[in-house]
Amino acid sequence: MTKQFPLFFEIEASSESGIDKNWVAKNTDSDPVPIAIPPEFSGPGKGYSPEDLFAMACVNCMIATFKVYAQHANIQFQNITARATVTVDKDLSAHCLCMSNIDVTFTLKAPSPAEKAKLTLEKAIKDCAVCNSIKSVKSYHINIE
């Protein structure tokens, strides 16, 4: 199937005034996602923070890309999991905060064939559109079980 680029994805978010007020964000065909300012920034938590969503966007783009590539390459696997840590730090040259680093560890269970699956995951990581669009330092680790 040939895709016509550019593709467009639209979301919507709305919030009341006040740091203690959580809100929701959604796309046009999914359930709303609860959003909150994290306690690290004096918010109430109990919702996904922008930092959480940043990590989720990166990780889920890589997983989605891998799943598409694995399907086309006839690679089977029981499960893929990812754990990511995002570092928020001061960018001294720009005088602002930024997501300076994202470190992701993947665990791929029972891939077949294993070496082809690992190489395919490495390609998916390299081709991830979200991660290719950010300036954060990125590091990846792959465990095969």
N, C-alpha and C. Protein backbone atom coordinates (compact mmCIF):
# COMPACT_ATOMS: atom_id res chain seq x y z
N MET A 1 0.84 -1.17 0.00
CA MET A 1 0.00 0.00 0.00
C MET A 1 0.90 1.25 0.00
N THR A 2 0.69 2.13 -0.95
CA THR A 2 1.47 3.35 -1.07
C THR A 2 0.81 4.46 -0.27
N LYS A 3 1.61 5.13 0.54
CA LYS A 3 1.13 6.24 1.35
C LYS A 3 1.38 7.54 0.61
N GLN A 4 0.45 8.46 0.72
CA GLN A 4 0.61 9.79 0.16
C GLN A 4 1.04 10.74 1.27
N PHE A 5 2.24 11.30 1.16
CA PHE A 5 2.76 12.21 2.18
C PHE A 5 2.55 13.64 1.75
N PRO A 6 2.37 14.55 2.66
CA PRO A 6 2.46 14.38 4.11
C PRO A 6 1.19 13.77 4.69
N LEU A 7 1.34 13.14 5.86
CA LEU A 7 0.23 12.62 6.64
C LEU A 7 -0.03 13.60 7.78
N PHE A 8 -1.27 13.67 8.24
CA PHE A 8 -1.62 14.62 9.29
C PHE A 8 -2.29 13.90 10.45
N PHE A 9 -1.91 14.25 11.67
CA PHE A 9 -2.50 13.69 12.88
C PHE A 9 -2.90 14.85 13.76
N GLU A 10 -4.14 14.87 14.19
CA GLU A 10 -4.65 15.99 14.97
C GLU A 10 -5.10 15.53 16.35
N ILE A 11 -4.74 16.29 17.35
CA ILE A 11 -5.20 16.04 18.71
C ILE A 11 -5.86 17.31 19.24
N GLU A 12 -6.55 17.15 20.35
CA GLU A 12 -7.21 18.27 20.99
C GLU A 12 -7.01 18.16 22.49
N ALA A 13 -6.78 19.29 23.16
CA ALA A 13 -6.64 19.32 24.61
C ALA A 13 -7.30 20.58 25.12
N SER A 14 -7.86 20.49 26.33
CA SER A 14 -8.53 21.64 26.93
C SER A 14 -8.38 21.55 28.44
N SER A 15 -8.09 22.69 29.08
CA SER A 15 -7.89 22.69 30.53
C SER A 15 -8.45 23.95 31.16
N GLU A 16 -8.91 23.78 32.39
CA GLU A 16 -9.30 24.93 33.20
C GLU A 16 -8.04 25.57 33.78
N SER A 17 -8.18 26.78 34.28
CA SER A 17 -7.09 27.50 34.91
C SER A 17 -6.68 26.82 36.21
N GLY A 18 -5.41 26.92 36.57
CA GLY A 18 -4.93 26.40 37.85
C GLY A 18 -3.98 25.24 37.68
N ILE A 19 -2.83 25.32 38.35
CA ILE A 19 -1.80 24.28 38.28
C ILE A 19 -2.32 22.95 38.83
N ASP A 20 -3.31 23.00 39.70
CA ASP A 20 -3.83 21.78 40.34
C ASP A 20 -4.93 21.11 39.52
N LYS A 21 -5.29 21.67 38.39
CA LYS A 21 -6.37 21.12 37.55
C LYS A 21 -5.80 20.22 36.47
N ASN A 22 -6.18 18.96 36.49
CA ASN A 22 -5.81 18.04 35.41
C ASN A 22 -6.72 18.30 34.22
N TRP A 23 -6.37 17.76 33.07
CA TRP A 23 -7.16 17.94 31.87
C TRP A 23 -7.06 16.69 31.02
N VAL A 24 -7.68 16.73 29.85
CA VAL A 24 -7.63 15.58 28.95
C VAL A 24 -7.15 16.02 27.57
N ALA A 25 -6.58 15.07 26.87
CA ALA A 25 -6.20 15.25 25.47
C ALA A 25 -6.72 14.04 24.71
N LYS A 26 -7.04 14.23 23.44
CA LYS A 26 -7.58 13.12 22.66
C LYS A 26 -7.39 13.37 21.18
N ASN A 27 -7.46 12.27 20.44
CA ASN A 27 -7.56 12.41 19.00
C ASN A 27 -9.02 12.21 18.63
N THR A 28 -9.33 12.17 17.36
CA THR A 28 -10.73 12.13 16.96
C THR A 28 -11.42 10.79 17.15
N ASP A 29 -10.64 9.70 17.29
CA ASP A 29 -11.30 8.39 17.36
C ASP A 29 -10.87 7.53 18.54
N SER A 30 -10.34 8.14 19.60
CA SER A 30 -9.91 7.38 20.77
C SER A 30 -10.42 8.02 22.05
N ASP A 31 -10.34 7.24 23.13
CA ASP A 31 -10.75 7.76 24.43
C ASP A 31 -9.79 8.85 24.89
N PRO A 32 -10.28 9.80 25.69
CA PRO A 32 -9.41 10.85 26.22
C PRO A 32 -8.33 10.28 27.13
N VAL A 33 -7.20 10.95 27.17
CA VAL A 33 -6.08 10.57 28.02
C VAL A 33 -5.95 11.63 29.12
N PRO A 34 -5.88 11.20 30.39
CA PRO A 34 -5.74 12.18 31.47
C PRO A 34 -4.32 12.77 31.49
N ILE A 35 -4.25 14.10 31.57
CA ILE A 35 -2.98 14.81 31.55
C ILE A 35 -2.86 15.61 32.85
N ALA A 36 -1.64 15.69 33.38
CA ALA A 36 -1.41 16.44 34.61
C ALA A 36 0.00 17.01 34.64
N ILE A 37 0.14 18.08 35.38
CA ILE A 37 1.48 18.59 35.67
C ILE A 37 2.06 17.66 36.73
N PRO A 38 3.28 17.16 36.51
CA PRO A 38 3.85 16.19 37.46
C PRO A 38 4.25 16.87 38.77
N PRO A 39 4.32 16.08 39.84
CA PRO A 39 4.75 16.62 41.13
C PRO A 39 6.13 17.29 41.06
N GLU A 40 7.00 16.81 40.17
CA GLU A 40 8.33 17.39 40.02
C GLU A 40 8.27 18.88 39.62
N PHE A 41 7.14 19.28 39.03
CA PHE A 41 6.93 20.69 38.65
C PHE A 41 5.80 21.30 39.47
N SER A 42 5.60 20.79 40.69
CA SER A 42 4.62 21.30 41.66
C SER A 42 3.17 21.05 41.26
N GLY A 43 2.95 20.09 40.37
CA GLY A 43 1.59 19.74 39.99
C GLY A 43 1.07 18.59 40.83
N PRO A 44 -0.19 18.21 40.59
CA PRO A 44 -0.82 17.15 41.38
C PRO A 44 -0.48 15.73 40.91
N GLY A 45 0.08 15.58 39.71
CA GLY A 45 0.29 14.23 39.18
C GLY A 45 -1.06 13.58 38.89
N LYS A 46 -1.11 12.27 38.96
CA LYS A 46 -2.33 11.48 38.72
C LYS A 46 -2.85 11.64 37.29
N GLY A 47 -1.94 11.80 36.37
CA GLY A 47 -2.25 11.87 34.94
C GLY A 47 -0.93 11.78 34.21
N TYR A 48 -0.98 11.66 32.91
CA TYR A 48 0.24 11.62 32.11
C TYR A 48 0.79 13.03 31.96
N SER A 49 2.08 13.17 32.21
CA SER A 49 2.73 14.47 32.05
C SER A 49 3.21 14.61 30.61
N PRO A 50 3.51 15.83 30.18
CA PRO A 50 4.12 15.98 28.86
C PRO A 50 5.40 15.16 28.71
N GLU A 51 6.14 15.03 29.81
CA GLU A 51 7.37 14.23 29.78
C GLU A 51 7.05 12.75 29.55
N ASP A 52 5.99 12.26 30.20
CA ASP A 52 5.55 10.88 29.98
C ASP A 52 5.15 10.68 28.52
N LEU A 53 4.39 11.64 27.99
CA LEU A 53 3.90 11.52 26.61
C LEU A 53 5.06 11.58 25.61
N PHE A 54 6.07 12.37 25.92
CA PHE A 54 7.28 12.43 25.09
C PHE A 54 7.92 11.05 25.01
N ALA A 55 8.14 10.43 26.17
CA ALA A 55 8.73 9.09 26.21
C ALA A 55 7.83 8.08 25.51
N MET A 56 6.53 8.18 25.76
CA MET A 56 5.59 7.25 25.11
C MET A 56 5.60 7.41 23.60
N ALA A 57 5.66 8.64 23.12
CA ALA A 57 5.69 8.86 21.67
C ALA A 57 6.92 8.20 21.06
N CYS A 58 8.07 8.39 21.70
CA CYS A 58 9.30 7.79 21.18
C CYS A 58 9.22 6.26 21.19
N VAL A 59 8.91 5.70 22.35
CA VAL A 59 8.88 4.25 22.51
C VAL A 59 7.84 3.60 21.60
N ASN A 60 6.65 4.16 21.56
CA ASN A 60 5.59 3.53 20.77
C ASN A 60 5.80 3.69 19.28
N CYS A 61 6.50 4.74 18.86
CA CYS A 61 6.87 4.85 17.45
C CYS A 61 7.84 3.74 17.07
N MET A 62 8.83 3.49 17.94
CA MET A 62 9.80 2.43 17.65
C MET A 62 9.12 1.06 17.64
N ILE A 63 8.23 0.82 18.61
CA ILE A 63 7.52 -0.47 18.65
C ILE A 63 6.64 -0.63 17.41
N ALA A 64 5.90 0.41 17.05
CA ALA A 64 5.03 0.34 15.87
C ALA A 64 5.85 0.08 14.61
N THR A 65 6.97 0.78 14.48
CA THR A 65 7.82 0.59 13.30
C THR A 65 8.36 -0.84 13.27
N PHE A 66 8.80 -1.34 14.43
CA PHE A 66 9.29 -2.71 14.50
C PHE A 66 8.19 -3.70 14.11
N LYS A 67 6.99 -3.52 14.63
CA LYS A 67 5.90 -4.46 14.33
C LYS A 67 5.60 -4.50 12.83
N VAL A 68 5.62 -3.34 12.18
CA VAL A 68 5.39 -3.31 10.73
C VAL A 68 6.53 -4.03 10.01
N TYR A 69 7.77 -3.71 10.37
CA TYR A 69 8.91 -4.36 9.73
C TYR A 69 8.92 -5.86 9.99
N ALA A 70 8.61 -6.27 11.22
CA ALA A 70 8.60 -7.69 11.57
C ALA A 70 7.53 -8.43 10.76
N GLN A 71 6.38 -7.81 10.61
CA GLN A 71 5.30 -8.43 9.83
C GLN A 71 5.75 -8.66 8.39
N HIS A 72 6.37 -7.65 7.79
CA HIS A 72 6.83 -7.75 6.40
C HIS A 72 7.98 -8.74 6.24
N ALA A 73 8.77 -8.94 7.30
CA ALA A 73 9.93 -9.84 7.24
C ALA A 73 9.60 -11.24 7.77
N ASN A 74 8.34 -11.51 8.07
CA ASN A 74 7.91 -12.80 8.61
C ASN A 74 8.65 -13.17 9.90
N ILE A 75 8.86 -12.19 10.75
CA ILE A 75 9.49 -12.41 12.05
C ILE A 75 8.39 -12.59 13.09
N GLN A 76 8.50 -13.64 13.85
CA GLN A 76 7.54 -13.89 14.92
C GLN A 76 8.21 -13.56 16.25
N PHE A 77 7.43 -13.11 17.21
CA PHE A 77 7.93 -12.88 18.56
C PHE A 77 6.76 -12.96 19.52
N GLN A 78 7.07 -13.37 20.73
CA GLN A 78 6.03 -13.50 21.75
C GLN A 78 5.60 -12.14 22.26
N ASN A 79 6.59 -11.25 22.48
CA ASN A 79 6.30 -10.00 23.14
C ASN A 79 7.48 -9.05 22.95
N ILE A 80 7.18 -7.76 22.86
CA ILE A 80 8.22 -6.74 22.92
C ILE A 80 7.81 -5.75 24.01
N THR A 81 8.74 -5.45 24.90
CA THR A 81 8.49 -4.45 25.93
C THR A 81 9.60 -3.41 25.86
N ALA A 82 9.28 -2.24 26.35
CA ALA A 82 10.27 -1.17 26.39
C ALA A 82 10.12 -0.41 27.69
N ARG A 83 11.23 0.01 28.22
CA ARG A 83 11.26 0.88 29.40
C ARG A 83 12.13 2.07 29.03
N ALA A 84 11.60 3.26 29.25
CA ALA A 84 12.33 4.47 28.87
C ALA A 84 12.47 5.41 30.06
N THR A 85 13.60 6.07 30.10
CA THR A 85 13.83 7.13 31.08
C THR A 85 14.16 8.40 30.32
N VAL A 86 13.39 9.45 30.61
CA VAL A 86 13.63 10.76 30.01
C VAL A 86 14.30 11.64 31.05
N THR A 87 15.34 12.33 30.66
CA THR A 87 16.02 13.28 31.53
C THR A 87 15.62 14.69 31.13
N VAL A 88 15.08 15.45 32.08
CA VAL A 88 14.78 16.86 31.87
C VAL A 88 15.91 17.64 32.54
N ASP A 89 16.51 18.55 31.78
CA ASP A 89 17.64 19.29 32.31
C ASP A 89 17.63 20.71 31.73
N LYS A 90 18.50 21.54 32.25
CA LYS A 90 18.63 22.90 31.75
C LYS A 90 19.55 22.90 30.53
N ASP A 91 19.09 23.55 29.48
CA ASP A 91 19.92 23.78 28.31
C ASP A 91 20.53 25.16 28.51
N LEU A 92 21.79 25.17 28.96
CA LEU A 92 22.42 26.43 29.33
C LEU A 92 22.60 27.37 28.15
N SER A 93 22.81 26.84 26.96
CA SER A 93 23.00 27.70 25.79
C SER A 93 21.69 28.37 25.37
N ALA A 94 20.58 27.69 25.57
CA ALA A 94 19.28 28.25 25.18
C ALA A 94 18.54 28.87 26.35
N HIS A 95 19.06 28.71 27.57
CA HIS A 95 18.43 29.25 28.78
C HIS A 95 17.00 28.74 28.96
N CYS A 96 16.83 27.44 28.80
CA CYS A 96 15.51 26.84 28.97
C CYS A 96 15.65 25.38 29.40
N LEU A 97 14.53 24.79 29.79
CA LEU A 97 14.52 23.36 30.09
C LEU A 97 14.31 22.58 28.80
N CYS A 98 14.83 21.36 28.76
CA CYS A 98 14.60 20.51 27.60
C CYS A 98 14.67 19.04 28.03
N MET A 99 14.17 18.18 27.20
CA MET A 99 14.34 16.74 27.37
C MET A 99 15.72 16.45 26.80
N SER A 100 16.71 16.40 27.67
CA SER A 100 18.09 16.30 27.18
C SER A 100 18.46 14.90 26.73
N ASN A 101 17.78 13.88 27.29
CA ASN A 101 18.18 12.51 26.99
C ASN A 101 16.98 11.58 27.12
N ILE A 102 16.95 10.57 26.28
CA ILE A 102 16.01 9.46 26.45
C ILE A 102 16.81 8.17 26.31
N ASP A 103 16.67 7.31 27.29
CA ASP A 103 17.37 6.03 27.32
C ASP A 103 16.31 4.93 27.30
N VAL A 104 16.36 4.05 26.32
CA VAL A 104 15.33 3.03 26.13
C VAL A 104 15.95 1.65 26.14
N THR A 105 15.34 0.76 26.91
CA THR A 105 15.74 -0.65 26.92
C THR A 105 14.57 -1.47 26.39
N PHE A 106 14.84 -2.24 25.34
CA PHE A 106 13.86 -3.14 24.76
C PHE A 106 14.15 -4.55 25.21
N THR A 107 13.10 -5.31 25.45
CA THR A 107 13.21 -6.75 25.67
C THR A 107 12.31 -7.42 24.65
N LEU A 108 12.91 -8.27 23.85
CA LEU A 108 12.20 -9.00 22.81
C LEU A 108 12.17 -10.46 23.21
N LYS A 109 10.97 -10.98 23.47
CA LYS A 109 10.84 -12.37 23.93
C LYS A 109 10.53 -13.31 22.77
N ALA A 110 11.28 -14.38 22.75
CA ALA A 110 11.09 -15.50 21.82
C ALA A 110 10.97 -15.07 20.36
N PRO A 111 11.91 -14.24 19.88
CA PRO A 111 11.84 -13.89 18.47
C PRO A 111 12.35 -15.03 17.59
N SER A 112 11.77 -15.13 16.40
CA SER A 112 12.20 -16.16 15.47
C SER A 112 12.16 -15.61 14.05
N PRO A 113 13.29 -15.59 13.40
CA PRO A 113 14.63 -15.92 13.87
C PRO A 113 15.22 -14.77 14.69
N ALA A 114 15.96 -15.10 15.72
CA ALA A 114 16.41 -14.14 16.72
C ALA A 114 17.33 -13.06 16.14
N GLU A 115 18.34 -13.46 15.38
CA GLU A 115 19.29 -12.46 14.86
C GLU A 115 18.61 -11.51 13.87
N LYS A 116 17.74 -12.05 13.04
CA LYS A 116 17.00 -11.22 12.08
C LYS A 116 16.09 -10.25 12.84
N ALA A 117 15.48 -10.70 13.92
CA ALA A 117 14.61 -9.85 14.73
C ALA A 117 15.41 -8.71 15.36
N LYS A 118 16.58 -9.03 15.87
CA LYS A 118 17.43 -8.00 16.49
C LYS A 118 17.83 -6.95 15.45
N LEU A 119 18.25 -7.38 14.28
CA LEU A 119 18.63 -6.45 13.23
C LEU A 119 17.43 -5.61 12.77
N THR A 120 16.27 -6.22 12.74
CA THR A 120 15.05 -5.51 12.34
C THR A 120 14.67 -4.47 13.39
N LEU A 121 14.81 -4.81 14.67
CA LEU A 121 14.54 -3.84 15.73
C LEU A 121 15.54 -2.69 15.66
N GLU A 122 16.80 -2.98 15.39
CA GLU A 122 17.79 -1.92 15.23
C GLU A 122 17.42 -0.98 14.07
N LYS A 123 16.92 -1.54 12.98
CA LYS A 123 16.49 -0.72 11.84
C LYS A 123 15.27 0.11 12.22
N ALA A 124 14.33 -0.48 12.95
CA ALA A 124 13.13 0.25 13.39
C ALA A 124 13.51 1.43 14.28
N ILE A 125 14.46 1.21 15.17
CA ILE A 125 14.95 2.28 16.04
C ILE A 125 15.53 3.40 15.18
N LYS A 126 16.33 3.04 14.20
CA LYS A 126 16.97 4.02 13.32
C LYS A 126 15.94 4.78 12.49
N ASP A 127 14.87 4.11 12.09
CA ASP A 127 13.88 4.70 11.19
C ASP A 127 12.71 5.37 11.91
N CYS A 128 12.68 5.36 13.23
CA CYS A 128 11.56 5.92 13.99
C CYS A 128 11.38 7.40 13.68
N ALA A 129 10.24 7.77 13.11
CA ALA A 129 9.98 9.15 12.70
C ALA A 129 9.97 10.11 13.89
N VAL A 130 9.41 9.69 15.01
CA VAL A 130 9.35 10.56 16.19
C VAL A 130 10.76 10.83 16.70
N CYS A 131 11.53 9.78 16.91
CA CYS A 131 12.89 9.96 17.44
C CYS A 131 13.79 10.72 16.47
N ASN A 132 13.56 10.57 15.18
CA ASN A 132 14.34 11.31 14.19
C ASN A 132 13.98 12.79 14.17
N SER A 133 12.90 13.15 14.86
CA SER A 133 12.43 14.54 14.88
C SER A 133 12.82 15.30 16.13
N ILE A 134 13.54 14.66 17.04
CA ILE A 134 13.89 15.31 18.30
C ILE A 134 15.40 15.48 18.40
N LYS A 135 15.81 16.48 19.18
CA LYS A 135 17.24 16.73 19.35
C LYS A 135 17.82 16.08 20.59
N SER A 136 17.00 15.45 21.41
CA SER A 136 17.49 14.79 22.62
C SER A 136 18.53 13.73 22.27
N VAL A 137 19.47 13.53 23.18
CA VAL A 137 20.41 12.43 23.04
C VAL A 137 19.62 11.15 23.26
N LYS A 138 19.84 10.17 22.39
CA LYS A 138 19.09 8.92 22.46
C LYS A 138 20.06 7.75 22.66
N SER A 139 19.70 6.85 23.56
CA SER A 139 20.49 5.63 23.73
C SER A 139 19.53 4.46 23.83
N TYR A 140 19.94 3.33 23.28
CA TYR A 140 19.09 2.17 23.18
C TYR A 140 19.85 0.92 23.60
N HIS A 141 19.10 -0.01 24.19
CA HIS A 141 19.65 -1.30 24.60
C HIS A 141 18.63 -2.36 24.18
N ILE A 142 19.10 -3.49 23.70
CA ILE A 142 18.21 -4.56 23.26
C ILE A 142 18.58 -5.84 23.98
N ASN A 143 17.59 -6.42 24.65
CA ASN A 143 17.75 -7.73 25.29
C ASN A 143 16.89 -8.73 24.54
N ILE A 144 17.45 -9.87 24.21
CA ILE A 144 16.71 -10.95 23.56
C ILE A 144 16.55 -12.06 24.59
N GLU A 145 15.33 -12.48 24.81
CA GLU A 145 15.07 -13.57 25.78
C GLU A 145 14.41 -14.74 25.08
